[in-house]
Amino acid sequence: MKTITQYREDIASLMKKLGDIDAKCIAENRNPTPEELKLKNEILDKIQEYREIVAAMERQEKTQAALEGSDGPVTIPGSQKFGTQEVRKQDQFLSLGEQLVVVMNAGRPGGVIDPRLRIKAAATGLGETVPADGGFLLQQDFSNELLQDTIATGIIAPKCRKMQISSNSNSMKINGVDETSRAASRSGGIIAYWKDEAALKTASKPKFRQIELNLHKLIGLCYATDELLADAAALESFIRAEFPKEFRFQIDDAIMEGTGAGQPLGILNSAALVSVPKEGGQPKETIVAQNVEKMWSRMFAGSLPSAEWYINQNTYPQLFQMSHAVGLGGVPVFLPPGGLSVAPYGALFGRPVTPIEQCPTLGTVGDIIFADFPNGYILAEKGGIKTDVSIHVQFLYDESIFRFVMRIDGQPVRASALTPFKGADTLGHFVALATRA
């Protein structure tokens, strides 16, 4: 007698045969022949027979578990959970490319939905078996791998403080201290006093605020030719190379300049940004040594070991020319003692300098930024990337379109820059140079 898994594999094999018949009819632009219809009915009869057997075996397992006093679901060796269902290893896709091809076939007119998609299908408010309505979720391990490809390979995003939003929620609230100045009190209102014995004590208390993160959708479209779809390995290679590349670019850009409306709040649009004014008489579109020295002094002291410099690449000539006057000459600020004959250190005050496309152009706020992302920026995401497919948009070009949806949000930890205990200049996790237009 076969096991449940073997019957499931037989059902999947029969479903594939049905899909092959449909695919042939679609490719030849015709209806099924009488012989094909007869074969389909025979296959469907066999599938129904196997389904009834599987249902009986599952019922038997549950009954046996109940008799043995088990209140939980039956645990099947070699299985793992997807949602609330038990999924055997044999019911999983072996590669991302294989699943994408199956999703594409399910999206074709009259396409047959692979049973493995049904196991992992998840309603998004509409139907789970209609790709245009609900689509199919990627198998969990592939979803996590794509998410890792997207987040971990960016430039800014990997440095942020990352948090996961649970599957039962679309937002997150984090309690934090609401502190804008340390001049008169600390932690938003706490004050300690030096008093004589038995003197009246004055009460004080901290002030708190909530950081609220609400998930926003980041959507990407990926075009794939019919030739590419015929090769699952090539399709997976293409998706892994091109799709995460655009997502990580957009995420880094949102962290830098996001508006906070339908997307993360970027540091350049946040009240937490510290802006250092230009020097008196400083020419437009320049960066001088005094600029970076003052930017360094406006970073939180505790953030100096983890903060890094980010620049637009067109600021390099300005950095190369920065120097301090010594007698009748000068000492380079950014270049090593060997000058231009050797490679620059790529560091200012010992902290790395990284060129990124997301920094604004030379002369505008953000062309050079001193930032502590690990301590100053929260990036929240909800695990899992949903994919849908359409064969209609680019039908005349023999292309299918995969749509990927990722839900993410982020914002600086602080609501504003901080006035220190002594000194008028504010401090922060993010320091930029004011416009030099």
Protein backbone atom coordinates (compact mmCIF):
# COMPACT_ATOMS: atom_id res chain seq x y z
CA MET A 1 0.00 0.00 0.00
CA LYS A 2 1.28 3.47 -0.87
CA THR A 3 1.92 6.20 1.70
CA ILE A 4 0.10 9.55 1.74
CA THR A 5 3.19 11.22 0.31
CA GLN A 6 3.31 8.77 -2.60
CA TYR A 7 -0.35 9.38 -3.37
CA ARG A 8 0.29 13.14 -3.29
CA GLU A 9 3.20 12.70 -5.67
CA ASP A 10 0.97 10.68 -8.00
CA ILE A 11 -1.64 13.45 -7.91
CA ALA A 12 1.03 16.03 -8.73
CA SER A 13 2.27 13.89 -11.62
CA LEU A 14 -1.26 13.53 -13.00
CA MET A 15 -1.85 17.27 -12.67
CA LYS A 16 1.32 17.83 -14.65
CA LYS A 17 -0.03 15.61 -17.42
CA LEU A 18 -3.19 17.74 -17.50
CA GLY A 19 -1.05 20.85 -17.67
CA ASP A 20 0.97 19.42 -20.55
CA ILE A 21 -2.21 18.77 -22.53
CA ASP A 22 -3.44 22.31 -21.90
CA ALA A 23 -0.06 23.80 -22.76
CA LYS A 24 -0.01 21.94 -26.07
CA CYS A 25 -3.50 23.21 -26.94
CA ILE A 26 -2.52 26.77 -26.07
CA ALA A 27 0.69 26.58 -28.09
CA GLU A 28 -1.27 25.28 -31.12
CA ASN A 29 -4.11 27.76 -30.53
CA ARG A 30 -6.84 25.09 -30.60
CA ASN A 31 -9.36 23.26 -28.41
CA PRO A 32 -8.64 19.78 -27.05
CA THR A 33 -9.33 16.90 -29.44
CA PRO A 34 -11.87 14.16 -28.47
CA GLU A 35 -8.98 11.86 -27.62
CA GLU A 36 -7.41 14.51 -25.38
CA LEU A 37 -10.73 15.18 -23.65
CA LYS A 38 -11.15 11.47 -23.01
CA LEU A 39 -7.63 11.27 -21.56
CA LYS A 40 -8.25 14.32 -19.36
CA ASN A 41 -11.41 12.81 -17.95
CA GLU A 42 -9.61 9.55 -17.21
CA ILE A 43 -6.85 11.48 -15.44
CA LEU A 44 -9.38 13.51 -13.46
CA ASP A 45 -11.16 10.33 -12.40
CA LYS A 46 -7.89 8.88 -11.18
CA ILE A 47 -7.05 12.11 -9.31
CA GLN A 48 -10.45 12.01 -7.62
CA GLU A 49 -9.85 8.41 -6.59
CA TYR A 50 -6.45 9.27 -5.10
CA ARG A 51 -7.87 12.30 -3.30
CA GLU A 52 -10.49 10.14 -1.61
CA ILE A 53 -7.78 7.71 -0.52
CA VAL A 54 -5.64 10.57 0.85
CA ALA A 55 -8.64 12.02 2.71
CA ALA A 56 -9.33 8.65 4.32
CA MET A 57 -5.70 8.18 5.33
CA GLU A 58 -5.54 11.68 6.82
CA ARG A 59 -8.73 10.99 8.77
CA GLN A 60 -7.20 7.76 10.04
CA GLU A 61 -4.07 9.60 11.19
CA LYS A 62 -6.11 12.20 13.06
CA THR A 63 -8.24 9.53 14.70
CA GLN A 64 -5.15 7.61 15.78
CA ALA A 65 -3.62 10.81 17.20
CA ALA A 66 -6.83 11.56 19.13
CA LEU A 67 -6.90 8.07 20.61
CA GLU A 68 -3.31 8.47 21.75
CA GLY A 69 -4.24 11.71 23.54
CA SER A 70 -2.60 14.15 21.15
CA ASP A 71 -4.40 17.49 21.08
CA GLY A 72 -2.16 19.12 18.52
CA PRO A 73 -1.76 18.55 14.80
CA VAL A 74 -0.20 15.36 13.54
CA THR A 75 3.52 15.86 13.07
CA ILE A 76 4.85 14.06 10.04
CA PRO A 77 8.58 13.24 9.98
CA GLY A 78 10.49 15.31 7.46
CA SER A 79 7.84 18.02 7.31
CA GLN A 80 7.71 21.70 8.18
CA LYS A 81 4.90 24.21 8.66
CA PHE A 82 3.74 26.78 6.11
CA GLY A 83 1.06 28.86 7.82
CA THR A 84 -1.09 26.34 9.68
CA GLN A 85 -0.47 23.41 7.31
CA GLU A 86 2.04 20.62 7.47
CA VAL A 87 4.12 20.43 4.33
CA ARG A 88 6.32 17.47 3.49
CA LYS A 89 9.67 17.95 1.85
CA GLN A 90 8.34 16.13 -1.19
CA ASP A 91 5.67 18.84 -1.51
CA GLN A 92 8.23 21.64 -1.76
CA PHE A 93 9.88 23.17 -4.80
CA LEU A 94 13.52 22.28 -5.28
CA SER A 95 14.51 25.72 -6.58
CA LEU A 96 13.19 29.26 -6.99
CA GLY A 97 13.34 28.87 -10.76
CA GLU A 98 11.12 25.78 -10.63
CA GLN A 99 8.49 27.59 -8.57
CA LEU A 100 8.52 30.65 -10.83
CA VAL A 101 7.95 28.49 -13.90
CA VAL A 102 5.05 26.72 -12.16
CA VAL A 103 3.55 30.09 -11.15
CA MET A 104 3.84 31.26 -14.77
CA ASN A 105 2.10 28.15 -16.07
CA ALA A 106 -0.69 28.59 -13.50
CA GLY A 107 -1.24 32.12 -14.77
CA ARG A 108 -1.82 31.09 -18.38
CA PRO A 109 -5.41 30.87 -19.67
CA GLY A 110 -6.71 27.46 -18.61
CA GLY A 111 -3.48 26.82 -16.76
CA VAL A 112 -3.44 24.11 -14.12
CA ILE A 113 -2.41 25.05 -10.59
CA ASP A 114 0.29 22.79 -9.22
CA PRO A 115 -0.75 21.27 -5.83
CA ARG A 116 2.42 22.67 -4.29
CA LEU A 117 1.16 26.18 -5.05
CA ARG A 118 -2.12 25.42 -3.30
CA ILE A 119 -0.20 24.42 -0.19
CA LYS A 120 1.61 27.73 -0.10
CA ALA A 121 -1.10 29.92 -1.61
CA ALA A 122 -2.33 32.67 0.67
CA ALA A 123 -5.37 34.88 0.23
CA THR A 124 -4.64 38.60 0.16
CA GLY A 125 -8.24 39.66 0.46
CA LEU A 126 -9.35 37.94 -2.74
CA GLY A 127 -9.03 34.41 -4.08
CA GLU A 128 -5.92 32.33 -3.64
CA THR A 129 -6.37 30.20 -6.73
CA VAL A 130 -6.70 33.08 -9.22
CA PRO A 131 -3.30 34.60 -9.89
CA ALA A 132 -4.83 37.91 -10.96
CA ASP A 133 -6.65 38.13 -7.62
CA GLY A 134 -4.35 36.77 -4.99
CA GLY A 135 -1.23 35.41 -6.60
CA PHE A 136 1.04 32.91 -4.91
CA LEU A 137 3.50 33.37 -2.11
CA LEU A 138 7.04 32.25 -2.67
CA GLN A 139 8.06 29.17 -0.72
CA GLN A 140 9.33 30.44 2.64
CA ASP A 141 13.01 29.58 2.13
CA PHE A 142 13.03 31.24 -1.33
CA SER A 143 11.22 34.25 0.10
CA ASN A 144 13.83 34.65 2.81
CA GLU A 145 16.67 34.19 0.33
CA LEU A 146 15.28 36.89 -1.97
CA LEU A 147 14.75 39.16 1.02
CA GLN A 148 18.35 38.58 2.07
CA ASP A 149 19.51 39.26 -1.49
CA THR A 150 17.65 42.57 -1.34
CA ILE A 151 18.52 43.83 2.14
CA ALA A 152 21.98 42.40 2.76
CA THR A 153 23.47 43.44 -0.57
CA GLY A 154 22.46 47.10 -0.35
CA ILE A 155 24.86 49.77 0.87
CA ILE A 156 22.81 51.60 3.50
CA ALA A 157 20.06 49.10 4.42
CA PRO A 158 22.41 46.42 5.88
CA LYS A 159 23.78 49.00 8.33
CA CYS A 160 20.37 49.97 9.77
CA ARG A 161 18.81 48.50 12.88
CA LYS A 162 16.48 45.86 11.42
CA MET A 163 13.25 44.71 13.02
CA GLN A 164 10.65 42.11 11.99
CA ILE A 165 6.93 42.83 12.11
CA SER A 166 4.90 39.78 13.11
CA SER A 167 2.65 37.96 10.67
CA ASN A 168 -0.46 39.15 12.52
CA SER A 169 0.34 42.85 12.27
CA ASN A 170 1.00 45.50 9.63
CA SER A 171 2.61 48.04 11.94
CA MET A 172 4.88 48.36 14.94
CA LYS A 173 5.05 50.84 17.82
CA ILE A 174 8.28 51.28 19.77
CA ASN A 175 8.48 53.27 22.99
CA GLY A 176 11.39 55.68 23.27
CA VAL A 177 12.55 58.67 25.29
CA ASP A 178 11.35 62.02 23.90
CA GLU A 179 14.44 64.15 24.40
CA THR A 180 15.26 67.27 22.39
CA SER A 181 17.54 69.07 24.86
CA ARG A 182 19.84 68.10 27.73
CA ALA A 183 20.48 71.67 28.80
CA ALA A 184 17.90 71.81 31.62
CA SER A 185 17.02 68.10 32.08
CA ARG A 186 17.85 64.67 30.79
CA SER A 187 15.68 61.93 29.26
CA GLY A 188 12.98 64.46 28.45
CA GLY A 189 12.49 65.73 32.02
CA ILE A 190 14.60 63.94 34.66
CA ILE A 191 16.49 66.29 37.01
CA ALA A 192 18.67 65.44 40.02
CA TYR A 193 19.47 68.08 42.70
CA TRP A 194 22.17 68.72 45.24
CA LYS A 195 20.28 69.45 48.44
CA ASP A 196 21.04 69.77 52.15
CA GLU A 197 19.83 67.06 54.50
CA ALA A 198 16.04 67.18 55.09
CA ALA A 199 15.60 69.83 52.35
CA LEU A 200 12.58 69.69 50.05
CA LYS A 201 13.05 67.41 47.04
CA THR A 202 11.63 68.31 43.63
CA ALA A 203 10.07 65.49 41.66
CA SER A 204 10.85 64.93 38.01
CA LYS A 205 9.95 62.36 35.39
CA PRO A 206 11.07 61.28 31.91
CA LYS A 207 9.11 62.00 28.76
CA PHE A 208 8.34 59.27 26.26
CA ARG A 209 7.22 59.06 22.66
CA GLN A 210 6.20 56.28 20.29
CA ILE A 211 7.99 55.41 17.08
CA GLU A 212 5.34 54.05 14.74
CA LEU A 213 6.28 52.02 11.68
CA ASN A 214 3.56 51.23 9.14
CA LEU A 215 4.40 48.89 6.28
CA HIS A 216 4.53 50.35 2.77
CA LYS A 217 4.56 48.37 -0.47
CA LEU A 218 7.61 48.30 -2.69
CA ILE A 219 6.69 46.75 -6.03
CA GLY A 220 9.01 45.51 -8.75
CA LEU A 221 8.28 44.15 -12.22
CA CYS A 222 10.56 41.66 -13.92
CA TYR A 223 10.21 40.82 -17.64
CA ALA A 224 11.18 37.33 -18.77
CA THR A 225 11.18 35.97 -22.32
CA ASP A 226 9.57 32.64 -23.20
CA GLU A 227 13.05 31.29 -23.93
CA LEU A 228 14.19 32.22 -20.43
CA LEU A 229 11.07 30.67 -18.90
CA ALA A 230 11.94 27.37 -20.59
CA ASP A 231 15.05 27.12 -18.42
CA ALA A 232 14.29 27.19 -14.69
CA ALA A 233 17.98 27.54 -13.75
CA ALA A 234 18.48 30.52 -16.07
CA LEU A 235 15.27 32.11 -14.82
CA GLU A 236 16.38 31.82 -11.20
CA SER A 237 19.77 33.32 -12.05
CA PHE A 238 18.08 36.21 -13.86
CA ILE A 239 15.62 36.93 -11.03
CA ARG A 240 18.27 36.78 -8.33
CA ALA A 241 20.55 39.15 -10.26
CA GLU A 242 18.11 41.79 -11.50
CA PHE A 243 15.19 41.93 -9.07
CA PRO A 244 17.09 42.47 -5.77
CA LYS A 245 19.34 45.01 -7.51
CA GLU A 246 16.47 47.45 -8.13
CA PHE A 247 14.80 46.82 -4.78
CA ARG A 248 17.95 47.51 -2.78
CA PHE A 249 18.53 50.69 -4.82
CA GLN A 250 15.03 51.97 -4.01
CA ILE A 251 15.30 51.03 -0.33
CA ASP A 252 18.64 52.84 0.04
CA ASP A 253 17.18 55.87 -1.73
CA ALA A 254 14.15 55.92 0.59
CA ILE A 255 16.40 55.71 3.66
CA MET A 256 18.27 58.71 2.31
CA GLU A 257 15.47 60.90 0.89
CA GLY A 258 12.13 59.16 1.52
CA THR A 259 9.19 61.48 2.18
CA GLY A 260 7.52 59.32 4.83
CA ALA A 261 4.28 59.35 2.78
CA GLY A 262 3.74 55.86 1.34
CA GLN A 263 7.44 55.13 1.85
CA PRO A 264 10.06 55.23 4.64
CA LEU A 265 11.12 58.60 6.09
CA GLY A 266 14.58 59.50 4.84
CA ILE A 267 17.22 61.16 6.97
CA LEU A 268 17.40 64.24 4.71
CA ASN A 269 13.67 64.91 5.27
CA SER A 270 13.80 64.23 9.00
CA ALA A 271 13.94 66.75 11.85
CA ALA A 272 16.71 64.57 13.28
CA LEU A 273 19.13 65.84 10.62
CA VAL A 274 21.86 68.22 11.81
CA SER A 275 22.76 70.79 9.16
CA VAL A 276 26.21 72.40 9.33
CA PRO A 277 26.32 75.89 7.69
CA LYS A 278 28.90 76.71 5.06
CA GLU A 279 31.94 78.85 5.89
CA GLY A 280 31.77 82.59 5.43
CA GLY A 281 32.66 83.46 1.84
CA GLN A 282 32.85 79.80 0.84
CA PRO A 283 32.43 79.46 -2.94
CA LYS A 284 29.49 77.49 -4.27
CA GLU A 285 29.83 73.78 -4.99
CA THR A 286 32.86 73.34 -2.73
CA ILE A 287 33.80 71.31 0.34
CA VAL A 288 36.59 72.59 2.58
CA ALA A 289 38.41 71.08 5.53
CA GLN A 290 36.52 73.27 8.02
CA ASN A 291 33.23 71.73 6.76
CA VAL A 292 34.15 68.15 7.62
CA GLU A 293 35.77 69.16 10.91
CA LYS A 294 32.55 70.85 12.05
CA MET A 295 30.46 67.92 10.79
CA TRP A 296 32.61 65.60 12.92
CA SER A 297 32.03 67.78 15.98
CA ARG A 298 28.22 67.61 15.55
CA MET A 299 28.00 63.81 15.70
CA PHE A 300 27.04 62.17 19.00
CA ALA A 301 30.27 61.26 20.81
CA GLY A 302 29.04 57.70 21.32
CA SER A 303 28.35 57.36 17.58
CA LEU A 304 31.81 58.34 16.36
CA PRO A 305 33.13 54.74 16.35
CA SER A 306 30.22 53.50 14.18
CA ALA A 307 29.41 56.54 12.00
CA GLU A 308 30.59 56.61 8.37
CA TRP A 309 30.83 59.18 5.58
CA TYR A 310 28.61 58.92 2.48
CA ILE A 311 29.19 61.09 -0.56
CA ASN A 312 28.06 61.71 -4.10
CA GLN A 313 30.89 60.59 -6.36
CA ASN A 314 31.19 64.05 -7.90
CA THR A 315 32.49 65.39 -4.56
CA TYR A 316 35.76 63.46 -4.86
CA PRO A 317 37.69 66.34 -6.52
CA GLN A 318 36.73 68.55 -3.56
CA LEU A 319 37.92 65.96 -1.04
CA PHE A 320 41.21 65.49 -2.87
CA GLN A 321 41.88 69.25 -2.68
CA MET A 322 41.12 69.68 1.04
CA SER A 323 44.18 70.76 3.01
CA HIS A 324 45.36 72.58 6.14
CA ALA A 325 47.75 75.50 5.76
CA VAL A 326 51.15 74.93 7.36
CA GLY A 327 53.51 77.87 6.92
CA LEU A 328 53.65 78.66 3.22
CA GLY A 329 52.40 75.20 2.27
CA GLY A 330 49.68 72.80 3.35
CA VAL A 331 48.93 69.27 4.49
CA PRO A 332 46.38 67.14 2.58
CA VAL A 333 43.33 66.11 4.56
CA PHE A 334 42.07 63.24 2.42
CA LEU A 335 45.22 62.02 0.62
CA PRO A 336 48.01 59.83 2.06
CA PRO A 337 51.55 61.29 2.31
CA GLY A 338 52.38 59.92 -1.13
CA GLY A 339 49.80 62.21 -2.75
CA LEU A 340 48.03 61.30 -5.98
CA SER A 341 50.69 58.74 -6.93
CA VAL A 342 49.10 56.25 -4.53
CA ALA A 343 45.49 55.34 -3.78
CA PRO A 344 43.64 57.52 -1.23
CA TYR A 345 42.86 56.10 2.16
CA GLY A 346 39.16 56.43 1.52
CA ALA A 347 38.65 57.69 5.08
CA LEU A 348 38.12 60.94 6.98
CA PHE A 349 39.11 61.03 10.65
CA GLY A 350 39.60 57.29 10.35
CA ARG A 351 36.01 56.60 9.31
CA PRO A 352 35.22 55.06 5.86
CA VAL A 353 34.10 57.23 2.95
CA THR A 354 31.59 55.50 0.66
CA PRO A 355 30.31 56.97 -2.63
CA ILE A 356 26.61 56.20 -3.28
CA GLU A 357 24.24 57.26 -6.02
CA GLN A 358 21.57 58.24 -3.50
CA CYS A 359 23.53 61.23 -2.16
CA PRO A 360 22.44 64.53 -3.83
CA THR A 361 24.81 66.31 -6.20
CA LEU A 362 27.72 68.57 -5.17
CA GLY A 363 26.67 71.83 -3.55
CA THR A 364 23.32 70.62 -2.18
CA VAL A 365 22.36 69.26 1.24
CA GLY A 366 23.39 65.61 1.42
CA ASP A 367 26.28 65.66 -1.04
CA ILE A 368 28.41 64.63 1.95
CA ILE A 369 26.81 63.04 5.02
CA PHE A 370 28.26 61.77 8.29
CA ALA A 371 25.79 59.10 9.45
CA ASP A 372 25.41 56.50 12.20
CA PHE A 373 22.83 54.13 10.71
CA PRO A 374 23.35 51.22 13.16
CA ASN A 375 22.23 53.35 16.12
CA GLY A 376 20.17 56.01 14.39
CA TYR A 377 17.82 54.35 11.88
CA ILE A 378 15.18 51.61 12.26
CA LEU A 379 14.19 49.52 9.24
CA ALA A 380 11.18 47.24 9.69
CA GLU A 381 9.93 44.63 7.26
CA LYS A 382 7.39 41.83 7.22
CA GLY A 383 8.95 38.55 6.15
CA GLY A 384 7.96 37.15 2.80
CA ILE A 385 7.88 38.44 -0.76
CA LYS A 386 4.73 37.89 -2.80
CA THR A 387 4.92 37.20 -6.50
CA ASP A 388 2.32 37.37 -9.29
CA VAL A 389 2.69 36.72 -12.99
CA SER A 390 1.02 37.99 -16.15
CA ILE A 391 1.44 36.68 -19.69
CA HIS A 392 -0.81 39.32 -21.23
CA VAL A 393 0.98 42.67 -20.85
CA GLN A 394 3.85 41.77 -23.18
CA PHE A 395 2.09 38.96 -25.10
CA LEU A 396 3.16 40.28 -28.53
CA TYR A 397 6.79 40.19 -27.43
CA ASP A 398 6.74 36.62 -26.08
CA GLU A 399 7.45 37.91 -22.59
CA SER A 400 5.91 37.23 -19.19
CA ILE A 401 6.00 39.67 -16.30
CA PHE A 402 6.69 38.71 -12.70
CA ARG A 403 5.56 41.18 -10.05
CA PHE A 404 7.25 41.12 -6.65
CA VAL A 405 5.86 42.93 -3.62
CA MET A 406 7.84 43.69 -0.47
CA ARG A 407 6.42 45.49 2.58
CA ILE A 408 8.81 47.73 4.49
CA ASP A 409 9.09 50.96 6.49
CA GLY A 410 11.78 52.90 8.28
CA GLN A 411 12.61 56.16 10.04
CA PRO A 412 15.29 57.74 12.22
CA VAL A 413 15.24 56.73 15.89
CA ARG A 414 15.20 60.34 17.08
CA ALA A 415 12.42 62.79 16.30
CA SER A 416 14.80 65.77 16.28
CA ALA A 417 18.39 66.82 16.79
CA LEU A 418 19.57 67.12 20.41
CA THR A 419 20.76 70.25 22.22
CA PRO A 420 23.65 69.17 24.49
CA PHE A 421 24.04 69.97 28.18
CA LYS A 422 26.67 72.60 27.40
CA GLY A 423 26.93 74.25 24.03
CA ALA A 424 24.42 75.72 21.59
CA ASP A 425 25.16 73.51 18.58
CA THR A 426 22.79 70.56 18.20
CA LEU A 427 24.05 66.98 17.85
CA GLY A 428 22.62 63.98 16.06
CA HIS A 429 23.07 60.60 14.38
CA PHE A 430 23.02 62.26 10.94
CA VAL A 431 25.02 65.33 9.97
CA ALA A 432 24.94 67.02 6.56
CA LEU A 433 26.50 70.12 5.03
CA ALA A 434 24.14 72.98 4.19
CA THR A 435 23.64 74.13 0.59
CA ARG A 436 26.56 75.94 -1.07
CA ALA A 437 24.77 77.33 -4.12
